[in-house]
Amino acid sequence: MNFLETFWSVIIFCLFLSYLILLFQIVGDIFRDSTLSGGYKALWVFFLLVAPVITALVYIIVRGNGMTERNIRAVSNAQKEAEEYVRSVAGTPSPADQIAAAKSLLDAGTINDAEFQQLKAKALA
């Protein structure tokens, strides 16, 4: 096997892998789309199995913008859920707790009144 045959094999492998990724993205988008009925979903999947290359191209042309919007919406929902989970696990103190902690620091003499007012304003903001 010479260099060109190896290079050509690598290119073919990369193209095939790209094609498989595209098919999985399309199938995921078909089942993620709540506006499509079950019959249309089955029809798209059937044509993806029968004529995958042509169906993938038609799907991208016809439903590409919606595919992008659904993907962006799914990513933003996942990010929002992750942020909410981190907040719930981290246990962010309430403003009242922050003011009480600042008051205890003021009473202990660790901070002065100006710093206490600044912490209080920050907690209420």
PDB file of N, CA and C in Angstrom:
ATOM      1  N   MET A   1       0.850  -1.168   0.000  1.00  0.00           N
ATOM      2  CA  MET A   1       0.000   0.000   0.000  1.00  0.00           C
ATOM      3  C   MET A   1       0.903   1.240   0.000  1.00  0.00           C
ATOM      4  N   ASN A   2       0.756   2.070  -0.994  1.00  0.00           N
ATOM      5  CA  ASN A   2       1.608   3.253  -1.061  1.00  0.00           C
ATOM      6  C   ASN A   2       0.931   4.439  -0.375  1.00  0.00           C
ATOM      7  N   PHE A   3       1.591   5.562  -0.431  1.00  0.00           N
ATOM      8  CA  PHE A   3       1.108   6.752   0.277  1.00  0.00           C
ATOM      9  C   PHE A   3      -0.243   7.216  -0.253  1.00  0.00           C
ATOM     10  N   LEU A   4      -0.425   7.252  -1.550  1.00  0.00           N
ATOM     11  CA  LEU A   4      -1.684   7.736  -2.121  1.00  0.00           C
ATOM     12  C   LEU A   4      -2.864   6.845  -1.768  1.00  0.00           C
ATOM     13  N   GLU A   5      -2.650   5.536  -1.750  1.00  0.00           N
ATOM     14  CA  GLU A   5      -3.722   4.631  -1.350  1.00  0.00           C
ATOM     15  C   GLU A   5      -4.097   4.835   0.111  1.00  0.00           C
ATOM     16  N   THR A   6      -3.106   5.034   0.956  1.00  0.00           N
ATOM     17  CA  THR A   6      -3.353   5.292   2.370  1.00  0.00           C
ATOM     18  C   THR A   6      -4.086   6.619   2.555  1.00  0.00           C
ATOM     19  N   PHE A   7      -3.613   7.634   1.850  1.00  0.00           N
ATOM     20  CA  PHE A   7      -4.238   8.958   1.931  1.00  0.00           C
ATOM     21  C   PHE A   7      -5.687   8.888   1.454  1.00  0.00           C
ATOM     22  N   TRP A   8      -5.941   8.205   0.360  1.00  0.00           N
ATOM     23  CA  TRP A   8      -7.293   8.063  -0.160  1.00  0.00           C
ATOM     24  C   TRP A   8      -8.183   7.291   0.824  1.00  0.00           C
ATOM     25  N   SER A   9      -7.641   6.282   1.464  1.00  0.00           N
ATOM     26  CA  SER A   9      -8.407   5.526   2.463  1.00  0.00           C
ATOM     27  C   SER A   9      -8.780   6.401   3.649  1.00  0.00           C
ATOM     28  N   VAL A  10      -7.879   7.246   4.082  1.00  0.00           N
ATOM     29  CA  VAL A  10      -8.165   8.160   5.191  1.00  0.00           C
ATOM     30  C   VAL A  10      -9.256   9.145   4.793  1.00  0.00           C
ATOM     31  N   ILE A  11      -9.187   9.663   3.581  1.00  0.00           N
ATOM     32  CA  ILE A  11     -10.215  10.600   3.116  1.00  0.00           C
ATOM     33  C   ILE A  11     -11.579   9.918   3.057  1.00  0.00           C
ATOM     34  N   ILE A  12     -11.633   8.720   2.517  1.00  0.00           N
ATOM     35  CA  ILE A  12     -12.895   7.976   2.441  1.00  0.00           C
ATOM     36  C   ILE A  12     -13.440   7.699   3.833  1.00  0.00           C
ATOM     37  N   PHE A  13     -12.575   7.314   4.754  1.00  0.00           N
ATOM     38  CA  PHE A  13     -13.011   7.057   6.126  1.00  0.00           C
ATOM     39  C   PHE A  13     -13.581   8.319   6.759  1.00  0.00           C
ATOM     40  N   CYS A  14     -12.927   9.460   6.581  1.00  0.00           N
ATOM     41  CA  CYS A  14     -13.415  10.726   7.152  1.00  0.00           C
ATOM     42  C   CYS A  14     -14.761  11.121   6.552  1.00  0.00           C
ATOM     43  N   LEU A  15     -14.917  10.948   5.257  1.00  0.00           N
ATOM     44  CA  LEU A  15     -16.192  11.258   4.614  1.00  0.00           C
ATOM     45  C   LEU A  15     -17.303  10.336   5.106  1.00  0.00           C
ATOM     46  N   PHE A  16     -16.995   9.059   5.256  1.00  0.00           N
ATOM     47  CA  PHE A  16     -17.988   8.115   5.763  1.00  0.00           C
ATOM     48  C   PHE A  16     -18.381   8.444   7.200  1.00  0.00           C
ATOM     49  N   LEU A  17     -17.409   8.796   8.022  1.00  0.00           N
ATOM     50  CA  LEU A  17     -17.696   9.179   9.404  1.00  0.00           C
ATOM     51  C   LEU A  17     -18.543  10.446   9.452  1.00  0.00           C
ATOM     52  N   SER A  18     -18.244  11.411   8.599  1.00  0.00           N
ATOM     53  CA  SER A  18     -19.046  12.637   8.522  1.00  0.00           C
ATOM     54  C   SER A  18     -20.478  12.317   8.116  1.00  0.00           C
ATOM     55  N   TYR A  19     -20.617  11.422   7.163  1.00  0.00           N
ATOM     56  CA  TYR A  19     -21.937  11.026   6.706  1.00  0.00           C
ATOM     57  C   TYR A  19     -22.735  10.354   7.831  1.00  0.00           C
ATOM     58  N   LEU A  20     -22.097   9.477   8.589  1.00  0.00           N
ATOM     59  CA  LEU A  20     -22.790   8.830   9.705  1.00  0.00           C
ATOM     60  C   LEU A  20     -23.210   9.847  10.767  1.00  0.00           C
ATOM     61  N   ILE A  21     -22.339  10.805  11.050  1.00  0.00           N
ATOM     62  CA  ILE A  21     -22.687  11.846  12.021  1.00  0.00           C
ATOM     63  C   ILE A  21     -23.889  12.633  11.530  1.00  0.00           C
ATOM     64  N   LEU A  22     -23.896  12.969  10.241  1.00  0.00           N
ATOM     65  CA  LEU A  22     -25.029  13.693   9.658  1.00  0.00           C
ATOM     66  C   LEU A  22     -26.314  12.886   9.779  1.00  0.00           C
ATOM     67  N   LEU A  23     -26.259  11.596   9.490  1.00  0.00           N
ATOM     68  CA  LEU A  23     -27.461  10.764   9.605  1.00  0.00           C
ATOM     69  C   LEU A  23     -27.979  10.720  11.044  1.00  0.00           C
ATOM     70  N   PHE A  24     -27.088  10.583  12.001  1.00  0.00           N
ATOM     71  CA  PHE A  24     -27.516  10.567  13.399  1.00  0.00           C
ATOM     72  C   PHE A  24     -28.107  11.913  13.812  1.00  0.00           C
ATOM     73  N   GLN A  25     -27.543  13.003  13.315  1.00  0.00           N
ATOM     74  CA  GLN A  25     -28.096  14.333  13.595  1.00  0.00           C
ATOM     75  C   GLN A  25     -29.504  14.456  13.012  1.00  0.00           C
ATOM     76  N   ILE A  26     -29.695  13.976  11.801  1.00  0.00           N
ATOM     77  CA  ILE A  26     -31.005  14.059  11.160  1.00  0.00           C
ATOM     78  C   ILE A  26     -32.030  13.205  11.904  1.00  0.00           C
ATOM     79  N   VAL A  27     -31.665  11.987  12.244  1.00  0.00           N
ATOM     80  CA  VAL A  27     -32.595  11.117  12.973  1.00  0.00           C
ATOM     81  C   VAL A  27     -32.933  11.728  14.336  1.00  0.00           C
ATOM     82  N   GLY A  28     -31.940  12.268  15.016  1.00  0.00           N
ATOM     83  CA  GLY A  28     -32.204  12.935  16.294  1.00  0.00           C
ATOM     84  C   GLY A  28     -33.130  14.125  16.129  1.00  0.00           C
ATOM     85  N   ASP A  29     -32.933  14.890  15.070  1.00  0.00           N
ATOM     86  CA  ASP A  29     -33.782  16.044  14.827  1.00  0.00           C
ATOM     87  C   ASP A  29     -35.202  15.629  14.475  1.00  0.00           C
ATOM     88  N   ILE A  30     -35.342  14.554  13.722  1.00  0.00           N
ATOM     89  CA  ILE A  30     -36.684  14.075  13.372  1.00  0.00           C
ATOM     90  C   ILE A  30     -37.469  13.745  14.635  1.00  0.00           C
ATOM     91  N   PHE A  31     -36.844  13.054  15.578  1.00  0.00           N
ATOM     92  CA  PHE A  31     -37.561  12.673  16.793  1.00  0.00           C
ATOM     93  C   PHE A  31     -37.648  13.799  17.806  1.00  0.00           C
ATOM     94  N   ARG A  32     -36.820  14.820  17.686  1.00  0.00           N
ATOM     95  CA  ARG A  32     -36.878  15.974  18.578  1.00  0.00           C
ATOM     96  C   ARG A  32     -37.988  16.943  18.175  1.00  0.00           C
ATOM     97  N   ASP A  33     -38.351  16.951  16.889  1.00  0.00           N
ATOM     98  CA  ASP A  33     -39.324  17.900  16.365  1.00  0.00           C
ATOM     99  C   ASP A  33     -40.729  17.511  16.805  1.00  0.00           C
ATOM    100  N   SER A  34     -41.358  18.360  17.595  1.00  0.00           N
ATOM    101  CA  SER A  34     -42.706  18.069  18.090  1.00  0.00           C
ATOM    102  C   SER A  34     -43.784  18.474  17.099  1.00  0.00           C
ATOM    103  N   THR A  35     -43.436  19.206  16.035  1.00  0.00           N
ATOM    104  CA  THR A  35     -44.442  19.611  15.058  1.00  0.00           C
ATOM    105  C   THR A  35     -44.724  18.522  14.034  1.00  0.00           C
ATOM    106  N   LEU A  36     -43.829  17.567  13.886  1.00  0.00           N
ATOM    107  CA  LEU A  36     -44.046  16.465  12.949  1.00  0.00           C
ATOM    108  C   LEU A  36     -44.906  15.395  13.608  1.00  0.00           C
ATOM    109  N   SER A  37     -45.859  14.863  12.837  1.00  0.00           N
ATOM    110  CA  SER A  37     -46.663  13.762  13.362  1.00  0.00           C
ATOM    111  C   SER A  37     -45.867  12.463  13.246  1.00  0.00           C
ATOM    112  N   GLY A  38     -46.370  11.436  13.860  1.00  0.00           N
ATOM    113  CA  GLY A  38     -45.684  10.144  13.844  1.00  0.00           C
ATOM    114  C   GLY A  38     -45.540   9.568  12.452  1.00  0.00           C
ATOM    115  N   GLY A  39     -46.559   9.781  11.613  1.00  0.00           N
ATOM    116  CA  GLY A  39     -46.496   9.275  10.245  1.00  0.00           C
ATOM    117  C   GLY A  39     -45.387   9.927   9.434  1.00  0.00           C
ATOM    118  N   TYR A  40     -45.253  11.246   9.569  1.00  0.00           N
ATOM    119  CA  TYR A  40     -44.182  11.934   8.853  1.00  0.00           C
ATOM    120  C   TYR A  40     -42.805  11.530   9.372  1.00  0.00           C
ATOM    121  N   LYS A  41     -42.707  11.312  10.675  1.00  0.00           N
ATOM    122  CA  LYS A  41     -41.428  10.851  11.233  1.00  0.00           C
ATOM    123  C   LYS A  41     -41.070   9.482  10.653  1.00  0.00           C
ATOM    124  N   ALA A  42     -42.055   8.592  10.608  1.00  0.00           N
ATOM    125  CA  ALA A  42     -41.815   7.260  10.049  1.00  0.00           C
ATOM    126  C   ALA A  42     -41.452   7.345   8.569  1.00  0.00           C
ATOM    127  N   LEU A  43     -42.080   8.262   7.849  1.00  0.00           N
ATOM    128  CA  LEU A  43     -41.789   8.437   6.431  1.00  0.00           C
ATOM    129  C   LEU A  43     -40.356   8.918   6.209  1.00  0.00           C
ATOM    130  N   TRP A  44     -39.922   9.903   7.003  1.00  0.00           N
ATOM    131  CA  TRP A  44     -38.538  10.396   6.886  1.00  0.00           C
ATOM    132  C   TRP A  44     -37.550   9.274   7.193  1.00  0.00           C
ATOM    133  N   VAL A  45     -37.796   8.521   8.252  1.00  0.00           N
ATOM    134  CA  VAL A  45     -36.881   7.433   8.622  1.00  0.00           C
ATOM    135  C   VAL A  45     -36.876   6.358   7.545  1.00  0.00           C
ATOM    136  N   PHE A  46     -38.037   6.048   6.992  1.00  0.00           N
ATOM    137  CA  PHE A  46     -38.107   5.050   5.920  1.00  0.00           C
ATOM    138  C   PHE A  46     -37.251   5.484   4.728  1.00  0.00           C
ATOM    139  N   PHE A  47     -37.416   6.733   4.294  1.00  0.00           N
ATOM    140  CA  PHE A  47     -36.636   7.197   3.155  1.00  0.00           C
ATOM    141  C   PHE A  47     -35.144   7.314   3.492  1.00  0.00           C
ATOM    142  N   LEU A  48     -34.817   7.586   4.766  1.00  0.00           N
ATOM    143  CA  LEU A  48     -33.401   7.583   5.158  1.00  0.00           C
ATOM    144  C   LEU A  48     -32.798   6.185   5.050  1.00  0.00           C
ATOM    145  N   LEU A  49     -33.612   5.167   5.259  1.00  0.00           N
ATOM    146  CA  LEU A  49     -33.114   3.801   5.130  1.00  0.00           C
ATOM    147  C   LEU A  49     -33.057   3.348   3.675  1.00  0.00           C
ATOM    148  N   VAL A  50     -34.015   3.802   2.860  1.00  0.00           N
ATOM    149  CA  VAL A  50     -34.079   3.364   1.466  1.00  0.00           C
ATOM    150  C   VAL A  50     -33.093   4.117   0.582  1.00  0.00           C
ATOM    151  N   ALA A  51     -33.112   5.438   0.670  1.00  0.00           N
ATOM    152  CA  ALA A  51     -32.230   6.276  -0.159  1.00  0.00           C
ATOM    153  C   ALA A  51     -31.570   7.314   0.744  1.00  0.00           C
ATOM    154  N   PRO A  52     -30.579   6.907   1.529  1.00  0.00           N
ATOM    155  CA  PRO A  52     -30.055   7.779   2.576  1.00  0.00           C
ATOM    156  C   PRO A  52     -29.389   9.061   2.075  1.00  0.00           C
ATOM    157  N   VAL A  53     -28.619   9.002   1.008  1.00  0.00           N
ATOM    158  CA  VAL A  53     -27.880  10.191   0.565  1.00  0.00           C
ATOM    159  C   VAL A  53     -28.836  11.259   0.056  1.00  0.00           C
ATOM    160  N   ILE A  54     -29.753  10.856  -0.816  1.00  0.00           N
ATOM    161  CA  ILE A  54     -30.699  11.818  -1.385  1.00  0.00           C
ATOM    162  C   ILE A  54     -31.631  12.357  -0.305  1.00  0.00           C
ATOM    163  N   THR A  55     -32.107  11.487   0.576  1.00  0.00           N
ATOM    164  CA  THR A  55     -33.004  11.925   1.645  1.00  0.00           C
ATOM    165  C   THR A  55     -32.295  12.874   2.599  1.00  0.00           C
ATOM    166  N   ALA A  56     -31.034  12.616   2.914  1.00  0.00           N
ATOM    167  CA  ALA A  56     -30.289  13.512   3.802  1.00  0.00           C
ATOM    168  C   ALA A  56     -30.139  14.885   3.162  1.00  0.00           C
ATOM    169  N   LEU A  57     -29.835  14.920   1.873  1.00  0.00           N
ATOM    170  CA  LEU A  57     -29.715  16.213   1.188  1.00  0.00           C
ATOM    171  C   LEU A  57     -31.047  16.951   1.149  1.00  0.00           C
ATOM    172  N   VAL A  58     -32.129  16.238   0.852  1.00  0.00           N
ATOM    173  CA  VAL A  58     -33.453  16.867   0.824  1.00  0.00           C
ATOM    174  C   VAL A  58     -33.822  17.370   2.209  1.00  0.00           C
ATOM    175  N   TYR A  59     -33.554  16.590   3.240  1.00  0.00           N
ATOM    176  CA  TYR A  59     -33.885  16.999   4.607  1.00  0.00           C
ATOM    177  C   TYR A  59     -33.137  18.269   4.990  1.00  0.00           C
ATOM    178  N   ILE A  60     -31.862  18.343   4.659  1.00  0.00           N
ATOM    179  CA  ILE A  60     -31.076  19.525   5.004  1.00  0.00           C
ATOM    180  C   ILE A  60     -31.590  20.747   4.251  1.00  0.00           C
ATOM    181  N   ILE A  61     -31.953  20.560   2.986  1.00  0.00           N
ATOM    182  CA  ILE A  61     -32.463  21.692   2.210  1.00  0.00           C
ATOM    183  C   ILE A  61     -33.830  22.148   2.724  1.00  0.00           C
ATOM    184  N   VAL A  62     -34.726  21.205   2.966  1.00  0.00           N
ATOM    185  CA  VAL A  62     -36.098  21.546   3.339  1.00  0.00           C
ATOM    186  C   VAL A  62     -36.214  21.967   4.798  1.00  0.00           C
ATOM    187  N   ARG A  63     -35.549  21.255   5.693  1.00  0.00           N
ATOM    188  CA  ARG A  63     -35.747  21.485   7.123  1.00  0.00           C
ATOM    189  C   ARG A  63     -34.489  21.933   7.850  1.00  0.00           C
ATOM    190  N   GLY A  64     -33.497  22.435   7.138  1.00  0.00           N
ATOM    191  CA  GLY A  64     -32.230  22.822   7.749  1.00  0.00           C
ATOM    192  C   GLY A  64     -32.345  23.943   8.762  1.00  0.00           C
ATOM    193  N   ASN A  65     -33.129  24.994   8.436  1.00  0.00           N
ATOM    194  CA  ASN A  65     -33.272  26.114   9.380  1.00  0.00           C
ATOM    195  C   ASN A  65     -33.949  25.683  10.669  1.00  0.00           C
ATOM    196  N   GLY A  66     -35.002  24.886  10.550  1.00  0.00           N
ATOM    197  CA  GLY A  66     -35.680  24.386  11.739  1.00  0.00           C
ATOM    198  C   GLY A  66     -34.775  23.483  12.556  1.00  0.00           C
ATOM    199  N   MET A  67     -33.930  22.725  11.866  1.00  0.00           N
ATOM    200  CA  MET A  67     -32.984  21.838  12.544  1.00  0.00           C
ATOM    201  C   MET A  67     -32.024  22.664  13.403  1.00  0.00           C
ATOM    202  N   THR A  68     -31.552  23.767  12.847  1.00  0.00           N
ATOM    203  CA  THR A  68     -30.656  24.647  13.587  1.00  0.00           C
ATOM    204  C   THR A  68     -31.353  25.248  14.798  1.00  0.00           C
ATOM    205  N   GLU A  69     -32.570  25.730  14.613  1.00  0.00           N
ATOM    206  CA  GLU A  69     -33.308  26.344  15.718  1.00  0.00           C
ATOM    207  C   GLU A  69     -33.584  25.338  16.833  1.00  0.00           C
ATOM    208  N   ARG A  70     -33.979  24.122  16.468  1.00  0.00           N
ATOM    209  CA  ARG A  70     -34.240  23.105  17.495  1.00  0.00           C
ATOM    210  C   ARG A  70     -32.962  22.725  18.239  1.00  0.00           C
ATOM    211  N   ASN A  71     -31.846  22.679  17.521  1.00  0.00           N
ATOM    212  CA  ASN A  71     -30.573  22.354  18.164  1.00  0.00           C
ATOM    213  C   ASN A  71     -30.155  23.462  19.133  1.00  0.00           C
ATOM    214  N   ILE A  72     -30.298  24.707  18.709  1.00  0.00           N
ATOM    215  CA  ILE A  72     -29.961  25.837  19.591  1.00  0.00           C
ATOM    216  C   ILE A  72     -30.852  25.830  20.818  1.00  0.00           C
ATOM    217  N   ARG A  73     -32.151  25.576  20.621  1.00  0.00           N
ATOM    218  CA  ARG A  73     -33.085  25.534  21.748  1.00  0.00           C
ATOM    219  C   ARG A  73     -32.737  24.410  22.713  1.00  0.00           C
ATOM    220  N   ALA A  74     -32.359  23.252  22.189  1.00  0.00           N
ATOM    221  CA  ALA A  74     -32.002  22.116  23.050  1.00  0.00           C
ATOM    222  C   ALA A  74     -30.734  22.408  23.838  1.00  0.00           C
ATOM    223  N   VAL A  75     -29.755  23.036  23.189  1.00  0.00           N
ATOM    224  CA  VAL A  75     -28.506  23.362  23.881  1.00  0.00           C
ATOM    225  C   VAL A  75     -28.750  24.399  24.972  1.00  0.00           C
ATOM    226  N   SER A  76     -29.558  25.421  24.675  1.00  0.00           N
ATOM    227  CA  SER A  76     -29.814  26.456  25.688  1.00  0.00           C
ATOM    228  C   SER A  76     -30.616  25.887  26.855  1.00  0.00           C
ATOM    229  N   ASN A  77     -31.565  24.980  26.573  1.00  0.00           N
ATOM    230  CA  ASN A  77     -32.300  24.343  27.667  1.00  0.00           C
ATOM    231  C   ASN A  77     -31.377  23.492  28.539  1.00  0.00           C
ATOM    232  N   ALA A  78     -30.475  22.760  27.910  1.00  0.00           N
ATOM    233  CA  ALA A  78     -29.535  21.940  28.676  1.00  0.00           C
ATOM    234  C   ALA A  78     -28.619  22.811  29.532  1.00  0.00           C
ATOM    235  N   GLN A  79     -28.177  23.941  28.967  1.00  0.00           N
ATOM    236  CA  GLN A  79     -27.309  24.846  29.725  1.00  0.00           C
ATOM    237  C   GLN A  79     -28.071  25.460  30.897  1.00  0.00           C
ATOM    238  N   LYS A  80     -29.321  25.836  30.664  1.00  0.00           N
ATOM    239  CA  LYS A  80     -30.131  26.424  31.728  1.00  0.00           C
ATOM    240  C   LYS A  80     -30.361  25.416  32.856  1.00  0.00           C
ATOM    241  N   GLU A  81     -30.646  24.171  32.489  1.00  0.00           N
ATOM    242  CA  GLU A  81     -30.850  23.133  33.503  1.00  0.00           C
ATOM    243  C   GLU A  81     -29.569  22.859  34.283  1.00  0.00           C
ATOM    244  N   ALA A  82     -28.433  22.879  33.602  1.00  0.00           N
ATOM    245  CA  ALA A  82     -27.159  22.662  34.293  1.00  0.00           C
ATOM    246  C   ALA A  82     -26.876  23.800  35.273  1.00  0.00           C
ATOM    247  N   GLU A  83     -27.147  25.033  34.865  1.00  0.00           N
ATOM    248  CA  GLU A  83     -26.935  26.170  35.758  1.00  0.00           C
ATOM    249  C   GLU A  83     -27.857  26.102  36.968  1.00  0.00           C
ATOM    250  N   GLU A  84     -29.117  25.720  36.754  1.00  0.00           N
ATOM    251  CA  GLU A  84     -30.050  25.579  37.876  1.00  0.00           C
ATOM    252  C   GLU A  84     -29.592  24.473  38.823  1.00  0.00           C
ATOM    253  N   TYR A  85     -29.077  23.389  38.265  1.00  0.00           N
ATOM    254  CA  TYR A  85     -28.593  22.295  39.109  1.00  0.00           C
ATOM    255  C   TYR A  85     -27.398  22.749  39.947  1.00  0.00           C
ATOM    256  N   VAL A  86     -26.480  23.476  39.321  1.00  0.00           N
ATOM    257  CA  VAL A  86     -25.308  23.959  40.061  1.00  0.00           C
ATOM    258  C   VAL A  86     -25.739  24.904  41.170  1.00  0.00           C
ATOM    259  N   ARG A  87     -26.702  25.778  40.868  1.00  0.00           N
ATOM    260  CA  ARG A  87     -27.188  26.693  41.906  1.00  0.00           C
ATOM    261  C   ARG A  87     -27.838  25.939  43.054  1.00  0.00           C
ATOM    262  N   SER A  88     -28.627  24.889  42.727  1.00  0.00           N
ATOM    263  CA  SER A  88     -29.296  24.144  43.789  1.00  0.00           C
ATOM    264  C   SER A  88     -28.296  23.368  44.642  1.00  0.00           C
ATOM    265  N   VAL A  89     -27.253  22.843  44.019  1.00  0.00           N
ATOM    266  CA  VAL A  89     -26.251  22.081  44.761  1.00  0.00           C
ATOM    267  C   VAL A  89     -25.351  23.008  45.567  1.00  0.00           C
ATOM    268  N   ALA A  90     -25.014  24.160  44.976  1.00  0.00           N
ATOM    269  CA  ALA A  90     -24.117  25.092  45.656  1.00  0.00           C
ATOM    270  C   ALA A  90     -24.779  25.717  46.878  1.00  0.00           C
ATOM    271  N   GLY A  91     -26.093  25.838  46.858  1.00  0.00           N
ATOM    272  CA  GLY A  91     -26.788  26.407  48.007  1.00  0.00           C
ATOM    273  C   GLY A  91     -26.453  27.858  48.223  1.00  0.00           C
ATOM    274  N   THR A  92     -26.730  28.695  47.243  1.00  0.00           N
ATOM    275  CA  THR A  92     -26.466  30.127  47.348  1.00  0.00           C
ATOM    276  C   THR A  92     -27.268  30.702  48.507  1.00  0.00           C
ATOM    277  N   PRO A  93     -26.596  31.410  49.419  1.00  0.00           N
ATOM    278  CA  PRO A  93     -27.312  31.969  50.565  1.00  0.00           C
ATOM    279  C   PRO A  93     -28.269  33.083  50.136  1.00  0.00           C
ATOM    280  N   SER A  94     -29.345  33.206  50.872  1.00  0.00           N
ATOM    281  CA  SER A  94     -30.325  34.245  50.581  1.00  0.00           C
ATOM    282  C   SER A  94     -29.767  35.605  51.009  1.00  0.00           C
ATOM    283  N   PRO A  95     -30.361  36.697  50.516  1.00  0.00           N
ATOM    284  CA  PRO A  95     -29.898  38.028  50.945  1.00  0.00           C
ATOM    285  C   PRO A  95     -29.959  38.219  52.456  1.00  0.00           C
ATOM    286  N   ALA A  96     -30.976  37.652  53.094  1.00  0.00           N
ATOM    287  CA  ALA A  96     -31.083  37.779  54.555  1.00  0.00           C
ATOM    288  C   ALA A  96     -29.897  37.091  55.241  1.00  0.00           C
ATOM    289  N   ASP A  97     -29.502  35.923  54.726  1.00  0.00           N
ATOM    290  CA  ASP A  97     -28.355  35.212  55.294  1.00  0.00           C
ATOM    291  C   ASP A  97     -27.060  35.999  55.095  1.00  0.00           C
ATOM    292  N   GLN A  98     -26.920  36.612  53.910  1.00  0.00           N
ATOM    293  CA  GLN A  98     -25.723  37.413  53.639  1.00  0.00           C
ATOM    294  C   GLN A  98     -25.657  38.626  54.559  1.00  0.00           C
ATOM    295  N   ILE A  99     -26.808  39.277  54.787  1.00  0.00           N
ATOM    296  CA  ILE A  99     -26.834  40.452  55.674  1.00  0.00           C
ATOM    297  C   ILE A  99     -26.549  40.029  57.104  1.00  0.00           C
ATOM    298  N   ALA A 100     -27.087  38.880  57.529  1.00  0.00           N
ATOM    299  CA  ALA A 100     -26.833  38.395  58.893  1.00  0.00           C
ATOM    300  C   ALA A 100     -25.351  38.077  59.083  1.00  0.00           C
ATOM    301  N   ALA A 101     -24.727  37.486  58.052  1.00  0.00           N
ATOM    302  CA  ALA A 101     -23.299  37.189  58.152  1.00  0.00           C
ATOM    303  C   ALA A 101     -22.490  38.479  58.215  1.00  0.00           C
ATOM    304  N   ALA A 102     -22.879  39.469  57.417  1.00  0.00           N
ATOM    305  CA  ALA A 102     -22.178  40.763  57.451  1.00  0.00           C
ATOM    306  C   ALA A 102     -22.380  41.440  58.798  1.00  0.00           C
ATOM    307  N   LYS A 103     -23.570  41.325  59.390  1.00  0.00           N
ATOM    308  CA  LYS A 103     -23.844  41.927  60.705  1.00  0.00           C
ATOM    309  C   LYS A 103     -22.990  41.263  61.779  1.00  0.00           C
ATOM    310  N   SER A 104     -22.816  39.949  61.675  1.00  0.00           N
ATOM    311  CA  SER A 104     -21.973  39.276  62.669  1.00  0.00           C
ATOM    312  C   SER A 104     -20.516  39.714  62.522  1.00  0.00           C
ATOM    313  N   LEU A 105     -20.078  39.968  61.286  1.00  0.00           N
ATOM    314  CA  LEU A 105     -18.721  40.494  61.086  1.00  0.00           C
ATOM    315  C   LEU A 105     -18.596  41.905  61.646  1.00  0.00           C
ATOM    316  N   LEU A 106     -19.660  42.705  61.498  1.00  0.00           N
ATOM    317  CA  LEU A 106     -19.648  44.067  62.047  1.00  0.00           C
ATOM    318  C   LEU A 106     -19.608  44.024  63.566  1.00  0.00           C
ATOM    319  N   ASP A 107     -20.415  43.150  64.159  1.00  0.00           N
ATOM    320  CA  ASP A 107     -20.447  43.024  65.618  1.00  0.00           C
ATOM    321  C   ASP A 107     -19.115  42.519  66.165  1.00  0.00           C
ATOM    322  N   ALA A 108     -18.437  41.670  65.392  1.00  0.00           N
ATOM    323  CA  ALA A 108     -17.151  41.143  65.846  1.00  0.00           C
ATOM    324  C   ALA A 108     -16.034  42.159  65.646  1.00  0.00           C
ATOM    325  N   GLY A 109     -16.308  43.219  64.914  1.00  0.00           N
ATOM    326  CA  GLY A 109     -15.298  44.244  64.680  1.00  0.00           C
ATOM    327  C   GLY A 109     -14.386  43.934  63.501  1.00  0.00           C
ATOM    328  N   THR A 110     -14.720  42.949  62.719  1.00  0.00           N
ATOM    329  CA  THR A 110     -13.897  42.580  61.570  1.00  0.00           C
ATOM    330  C   THR A 110     -14.022  43.608  60.447  1.00  0.00           C
ATOM    331  N   ILE A 111     -15.236  44.132  60.284  1.00  0.00           N
ATOM    332  CA  ILE A 111     -15.457  45.159  59.265  1.00  0.00           C
ATOM    333  C   ILE A 111     -16.026  46.400  59.930  1.00  0.00           C
ATOM    334  N   ASN A 112     -15.929  47.539  59.234  1.00  0.00           N
ATOM    335  CA  ASN A 112     -16.505  48.767  59.781  1.00  0.00           C
ATOM    336  C   ASN A 112     -17.901  48.980  59.191  1.00  0.00           C
ATOM    337  N   ASP A 113     -18.549  50.078  59.624  1.00  0.00           N
ATOM    338  CA  ASP A 113     -19.928  50.338  59.210  1.00  0.00           C
ATOM    339  C   ASP A 113     -20.050  50.576  57.702  1.00  0.00           C
ATOM    340  N   ALA A 114     -19.073  51.239  57.107  1.00  0.00           N
ATOM    341  CA  ALA A 114     -19.125  51.500  55.661  1.00  0.00           C
ATOM    342  C   ALA A 114     -19.049  50.190  54.874  1.00  0.00           C
ATOM    343  N   GLU A 115     -18.196  49.292  55.314  1.00  0.00           N
ATOM    344  CA  GLU A 115     -18.096  47.995  54.641  1.00  0.00           C
ATOM    345  C   GLU A 115     -19.380  47.186  54.817  1.00  0.00           C
ATOM    346  N   PHE A 116     -19.983  47.294  56.022  1.00  0.00           N
ATOM    347  CA  PHE A 116     -21.247  46.604  56.267  1.00  0.00           C
ATOM    348  C   PHE A 116     -22.331  47.119  55.322  1.00  0.00           C
ATOM    349  N   GLN A 117     -22.426  48.434  55.175  1.00  0.00           N
ATOM    350  CA  GLN A 117     -23.425  49.013  54.268  1.00  0.00           C
ATOM    351  C   GLN A 117     -23.168  48.564  52.821  1.00  0.00           C
ATOM    352  N   GLN A 118     -21.910  48.485  52.464  1.00  0.00           N
ATOM    353  CA  GLN A 118     -21.582  48.043  51.109  1.00  0.00           C
ATOM    354  C   GLN A 118     -21.980  46.578  50.885  1.00  0.00           C
ATOM    355  N   LEU A 119     -21.708  45.725  51.856  1.00  0.00           N
ATOM    356  CA  LEU A 119     -22.114  44.315  51.755  1.00  0.00           C
ATOM    357  C   LEU A 119     -23.640  44.173  51.758  1.00  0.00           C
ATOM    358  N   LYS A 120     -24.297  44.997  52.541  1.00  0.00           N
ATOM    359  CA  LYS A 120     -25.761  44.965  52.608  1.00  0.00           C
ATOM    360  C   LYS A 120     -26.358  45.369  51.251  1.00  0.00           C
ATOM    361  N   ALA A 121     -25.809  46.420  50.652  1.00  0.00           N
ATOM    362  CA  ALA A 121     -26.312  46.871  49.347  1.00  0.00           C
ATOM    363  C   ALA A 121     -26.054  45.811  48.270  1.00  0.00           C
ATOM    364  N   LYS A 122     -24.905  45.163  48.360  1.00  0.00           N
ATOM    365  CA  LYS A 122     -24.574  44.117  47.395  1.00  0.00           C
ATOM    366  C   LYS A 122     -25.517  42.923  47.546  1.00  0.00           C
ATOM    367  N   ALA A 123     -25.877  42.573  48.775  1.00  0.00           N
ATOM    368  CA  ALA A 123     -26.773  41.455  49.018  1.00  0.00           C
ATOM    369  C   ALA A 123     -28.173  41.759  48.535  1.00  0.00           C
ATOM    370  N   LEU A 124     -28.595  42.999  48.644  1.00  0.00           N
ATOM    371  CA  LEU A 124     -29.944  43.373  48.228  1.00  0.00           C
ATOM    372  C   LEU A 124     -30.041  43.613  46.720  1.00  0.00           C
ATOM    373  N   ALA A 125     -28.915  43.761  46.053  1.00  0.00           N
ATOM    374  CA  ALA A 125     -28.965  44.038  44.601  1.00  0.00           C
ATOM    375  C   ALA A 125     -29.215  42.801  43.788  1.00  0.00           C
TER     376      ALA A 125
END
